[in-house]
């Protein structure tokens, strides 16, 4: 359920939440918030009227996130990322994902990415990250291909070296 060796850095969180329209978003979904590093970055960028739904599969992490992030805009849900349509009542302006795509079963990855693509509002944004050292591996290449198959625009940022391990961000735009 957890694919990280260390919590993501604030610099990766900044890269994940930059240039994806959070400042204008009404509904944002976070997949796999874990300890809340991306959650904090999203909450800093969204307006007081926006909502953030954080979906976490690990019950302990979901409980901890809900207890430590008391913000009326945030709803923490214990559930599977692929079920995001059940938890986000309406089109989603942005999806921010901390999911460990390259270590999850291919069928789960594909099902979850399909759910993300279907949930996005017109022109909605999807952002996720990958570790630089794993980008060339078969699961890393499969993730890149899966993103290109579902989204008309997929960009890759430069490497965020201060993250452990170093990572880069994929930013995709829905139809």
Protein backbone atom coordinates (compact mmCIF):
# COMPACT_ATOMS: atom_id res chain seq x y z
CA UNK A 1 0.00 0.00 0.00
CA UNK A 2 2.98 2.31 0.52
CA UNK A 3 5.59 2.73 -2.19
CA UNK A 4 7.86 5.41 -0.72
CA UNK A 5 11.08 5.01 1.20
CA UNK A 6 10.66 8.50 2.68
CA UNK A 7 7.95 11.15 2.75
CA UNK A 8 7.91 13.40 -0.31
CA UNK A 9 9.75 16.67 0.08
CA UNK A 10 8.19 20.12 0.18
CA UNK A 11 9.97 20.88 -3.10
CA UNK A 12 8.30 17.92 -4.77
CA UNK A 13 4.97 19.06 -3.27
CA UNK A 14 5.51 22.51 -4.75
CA UNK A 15 6.30 21.01 -8.17
CA UNK A 16 3.22 18.77 -7.93
CA UNK A 17 0.85 21.64 -7.20
CA UNK A 18 2.34 24.34 -9.46
CA UNK A 19 0.71 25.23 -12.79
CA UNK A 20 -2.31 22.95 -12.50
CA UNK A 21 -4.98 25.59 -11.86
CA UNK A 22 -5.52 24.99 -8.16
CA UNK A 23 -6.11 28.68 -7.56
CA UNK A 24 -9.28 28.48 -9.68
CA UNK A 25 -10.37 24.95 -8.81
CA UNK A 26 -13.68 24.22 -7.13
CA UNK A 27 -13.08 20.51 -6.52
CA UNK A 28 -9.70 18.84 -6.11
CA UNK A 29 -9.09 15.16 -5.39
CA UNK A 30 -5.89 13.84 -3.89
CA UNK A 31 -5.08 10.17 -4.33
CA UNK A 32 -2.84 8.52 -1.75
CA UNK A 33 -2.20 11.52 0.50
CA UNK A 34 -0.13 9.48 2.95
CA UNK A 35 1.36 11.83 5.55
CA UNK A 36 -0.13 14.94 3.93
CA UNK A 37 2.80 16.72 2.30
CA UNK A 38 0.84 17.25 -0.93
CA UNK A 39 -2.35 17.91 1.05
CA UNK A 40 -0.70 20.89 2.75
CA UNK A 41 0.54 22.25 -0.58
CA UNK A 42 -2.93 21.93 -2.14
CA UNK A 43 -4.62 23.61 0.82
CA UNK A 44 -2.21 26.54 0.53
CA UNK A 45 -3.18 27.05 -3.12
CA UNK A 46 -6.95 26.52 -3.22
CA UNK A 47 -9.50 29.22 -2.41
CA UNK A 48 -11.63 29.28 0.75
CA UNK A 49 -14.63 28.09 -1.33
CA UNK A 50 -12.84 25.10 -2.89
CA UNK A 51 -13.03 21.52 -1.64
CA UNK A 52 -10.29 18.91 -1.36
CA UNK A 53 -11.22 15.22 -1.13
CA UNK A 54 -8.24 13.10 -0.04
CA UNK A 55 -8.65 9.37 -0.69
CA UNK A 56 -6.33 7.08 1.28
CA UNK A 57 -6.37 3.26 1.20
CA UNK A 58 -4.41 2.86 4.43
CA UNK A 59 -6.88 3.35 7.32
CA UNK A 60 -4.17 4.42 9.78
CA UNK A 61 -2.84 7.08 7.42
CA UNK A 62 -6.37 8.29 6.66
CA UNK A 63 -7.15 8.62 10.37
CA UNK A 64 -3.87 10.43 11.05
CA UNK A 65 -4.40 12.83 8.13
CA UNK A 66 -7.92 13.67 9.31
CA UNK A 67 -6.68 14.25 12.86
CA UNK A 68 -3.74 16.47 11.91
CA UNK A 69 -5.31 18.51 9.10
CA UNK A 70 -8.38 20.22 10.47
CA UNK A 71 -9.55 22.36 7.58
CA UNK A 72 -13.18 22.74 6.56
CA UNK A 73 -12.23 22.43 2.90
CA UNK A 74 -10.71 18.96 3.44
CA UNK A 75 -12.58 15.66 3.49
CA UNK A 76 -10.47 12.57 4.17
CA UNK A 77 -11.89 9.32 2.86
CA UNK A 78 -10.69 5.80 3.60
CA UNK A 79 -11.08 4.06 0.26
CA UNK A 80 -9.59 3.03 -3.06
CA UNK A 81 -8.40 5.65 -5.53
CA UNK A 82 -10.18 3.88 -8.38
CA UNK A 83 -13.48 4.67 -6.64
CA UNK A 84 -12.89 8.42 -6.73
CA UNK A 85 -16.15 9.09 -8.59
CA UNK A 86 -18.05 7.81 -5.53
CA UNK A 87 -16.29 10.29 -3.24
CA UNK A 88 -16.09 13.36 -5.50
CA UNK A 89 -19.63 14.40 -6.29
CA UNK A 90 -19.11 16.17 -9.56
CA UNK A 91 -16.50 16.93 -12.18
CA UNK A 92 -13.02 17.29 -10.70
CA UNK A 93 -10.90 20.29 -11.64
CA UNK A 94 -7.62 18.71 -10.55
CA UNK A 95 -6.37 15.35 -9.33
CA UNK A 96 -3.10 15.25 -7.40
CA UNK A 97 -1.69 11.76 -6.96
CA UNK A 98 0.92 10.38 -4.62
CA UNK A 99 0.15 6.79 -5.61
CA UNK A 100 3.03 4.33 -6.15
CA UNK A 101 2.12 3.60 -9.78
CA UNK A 102 5.17 1.50 -10.62
CA UNK A 103 4.71 -1.00 -7.77
CA UNK A 104 0.95 -1.51 -8.04
CA UNK A 105 -0.55 -4.31 -10.15
CA UNK A 106 -0.97 -3.27 -13.78
CA UNK A 107 -4.72 -3.91 -13.71
CA UNK A 108 -5.15 -1.65 -10.66
CA UNK A 109 -3.02 1.07 -12.30
CA UNK A 110 -5.04 0.95 -15.51
CA UNK A 111 -8.40 0.93 -13.70
CA UNK A 112 -7.36 3.86 -11.50
CA UNK A 113 -6.03 5.93 -14.41
CA UNK A 114 -9.29 5.30 -16.29
CA UNK A 115 -11.22 6.56 -13.26
CA UNK A 116 -9.05 9.69 -13.08
CA UNK A 117 -9.50 10.47 -16.77
CA UNK A 118 -13.30 10.01 -16.54
CA UNK A 119 -13.62 12.15 -13.42
CA UNK A 120 -11.89 15.26 -14.76
CA UNK A 121 -13.88 18.30 -15.77
CA UNK A 122 -13.26 19.64 -19.25
CA UNK A 123 -9.66 20.86 -19.29
CA UNK A 124 -9.07 19.40 -15.83
CA UNK A 125 -5.54 18.61 -14.72
CA UNK A 126 -3.90 15.48 -13.37
CA UNK A 127 -0.52 15.51 -11.68
CA UNK A 128 1.57 12.67 -10.34
CA UNK A 129 5.23 11.91 -9.82
CA UNK A 130 7.71 9.19 -10.56
CA UNK A 131 11.16 8.45 -9.23
CA UNK A 132 13.87 9.29 -11.70
CA UNK A 133 15.72 6.00 -11.16
CA UNK A 134 12.61 3.98 -12.07
CA UNK A 135 11.52 5.90 -15.19
CA UNK A 136 13.39 3.58 -17.55
CA UNK A 137 12.08 0.34 -16.01
CA UNK A 138 9.17 -1.55 -17.63
CA UNK A 139 6.66 -0.31 -14.99
CA UNK A 140 7.98 3.25 -15.40
CA UNK A 141 7.63 3.08 -19.17
CA UNK A 142 4.16 1.53 -18.78
CA UNK A 143 3.06 4.47 -16.61
CA UNK A 144 4.30 7.00 -19.17
CA UNK A 145 2.50 5.14 -21.97
CA UNK A 146 -0.70 4.85 -19.93
CA UNK A 147 -0.70 8.60 -19.32
CA UNK A 148 -0.18 9.33 -23.04
CA UNK A 149 -3.03 6.92 -23.89
CA UNK A 150 -5.51 8.76 -21.66
CA UNK A 151 -4.55 12.40 -21.83
CA UNK A 152 -4.05 14.62 -24.90
CA UNK A 153 -1.28 16.58 -23.18
CA UNK A 154 1.35 15.08 -20.88
CA UNK A 155 4.36 17.09 -19.70
CA UNK A 156 7.31 15.96 -17.60
CA UNK A 157 9.14 18.41 -15.33
CA UNK A 158 12.82 18.48 -14.64
CA UNK A 159 14.09 16.34 -11.78
CA UNK A 160 13.45 17.50 -8.22
CA UNK A 161 16.87 16.54 -6.85
CA UNK A 162 16.24 17.43 -3.17
CA UNK A 163 13.57 14.71 -2.97
CA UNK A 164 14.62 11.30 -1.61
CA UNK A 165 14.83 9.60 -4.01
CA UNK A 166 14.95 12.25 -6.76
CA UNK A 167 11.69 12.49 -8.70
CA UNK A 168 9.98 14.33 -11.52
CA UNK A 169 6.37 15.33 -12.06
CA UNK A 170 3.96 14.37 -14.82
CA UNK A 171 1.33 17.00 -15.57
CA UNK A 172 -1.54 15.90 -17.78
CA UNK A 173 -4.56 17.77 -19.11
CA UNK A 174 -7.93 16.15 -19.72
CA UNK A 175 -10.09 16.69 -22.77
